[in-house]
Amino acid sequence: MSRSDDDIDWSLTTFEGVRIEQMRRWAELPLDRIVAALEEMEQYAARRPGNVPVNTKPEPS
């Protein structure tokens, strides 16, 4: 099944358009889903090797 060019919003194919669409979709989420997504991203980032710990400040030298 193919879509015609009239059905495609080509403004979403630019970097700016994609970012605007991401923000629009993020804004539509209920608060509990936003918090859950942020917690999941934090857990994922913590599991990545060589990653700086989240929410910590570097030690002064």
Protein backbone atom coordinates (compact mmCIF):
# COMPACT_ATOMS: atom_id res chain seq x y z
CA MET A 1 0.00 0.00 0.00
CA SER A 2 1.53 3.33 -1.01
CA ARG A 3 0.57 6.81 -0.01
CA SER A 4 0.23 9.58 -2.54
CA ASP A 5 2.39 12.68 -2.25
CA ASP A 6 -0.71 14.64 -1.25
CA ASP A 7 -1.00 12.56 1.95
CA ILE A 8 2.57 13.25 3.08
CA ASP A 9 3.33 16.29 5.23
CA TRP A 10 6.72 17.15 3.75
CA SER A 11 7.37 19.80 6.43
CA LEU A 12 8.01 16.90 8.82
CA THR A 13 10.94 15.69 6.72
CA THR A 14 13.23 18.56 7.76
CA PHE A 15 15.25 18.62 10.99
CA GLU A 16 13.14 21.52 12.26
CA GLY A 17 9.89 19.84 11.22
CA VAL A 18 10.82 16.61 12.96
CA ARG A 19 11.74 18.46 16.15
CA ILE A 20 8.45 20.37 16.13
CA GLU A 21 6.52 17.11 15.65
CA GLN A 22 8.46 15.46 18.50
CA MET A 23 7.60 18.36 20.81
CA ARG A 24 3.95 18.30 19.74
CA ARG A 25 3.66 14.57 20.47
CA TRP A 26 5.55 14.89 23.77
CA ALA A 27 3.18 17.70 24.86
CA GLU A 28 0.16 15.45 24.23
CA LEU A 29 1.35 12.81 26.71
CA PRO A 30 -0.17 12.71 30.20
CA LEU A 31 2.23 13.63 33.01
CA ASP A 32 2.56 10.06 34.33
CA ARG A 33 3.68 8.83 30.89
CA ILE A 34 6.23 11.66 30.63
CA VAL A 35 7.69 10.82 34.05
CA ALA A 36 7.80 7.10 33.18
CA ALA A 37 9.57 7.85 29.88
CA LEU A 38 12.15 10.08 31.58
CA GLU A 39 12.83 7.39 34.20
CA GLU A 40 13.22 4.76 31.49
CA MET A 41 15.66 6.97 29.55
CA GLU A 42 17.66 7.58 32.74
CA GLN A 43 17.89 3.81 33.40
CA TYR A 44 18.98 3.17 29.82
CA ALA A 45 21.65 5.88 30.02
CA ALA A 46 22.95 4.45 33.30
CA ARG A 47 23.41 1.00 31.71
CA ARG A 48 25.52 2.29 28.82
CA PRO A 49 29.23 1.58 29.25
CA GLY A 50 31.55 4.52 29.81
CA ASN A 51 28.68 6.75 30.76
CA VAL A 52 28.96 9.53 33.33
CA PRO A 53 26.62 8.92 36.31
CA VAL A 54 23.34 10.81 36.07
CA ASN A 55 22.68 13.81 38.33
CA THR A 56 26.20 14.09 39.71
CA LYS A 57 28.67 16.93 39.59
CA PRO A 58 32.33 16.32 38.76
CA GLU A 59 34.73 16.33 41.69
CA PRO A 60 36.84 19.50 41.96
CA SER A 61 40.53 18.87 41.32
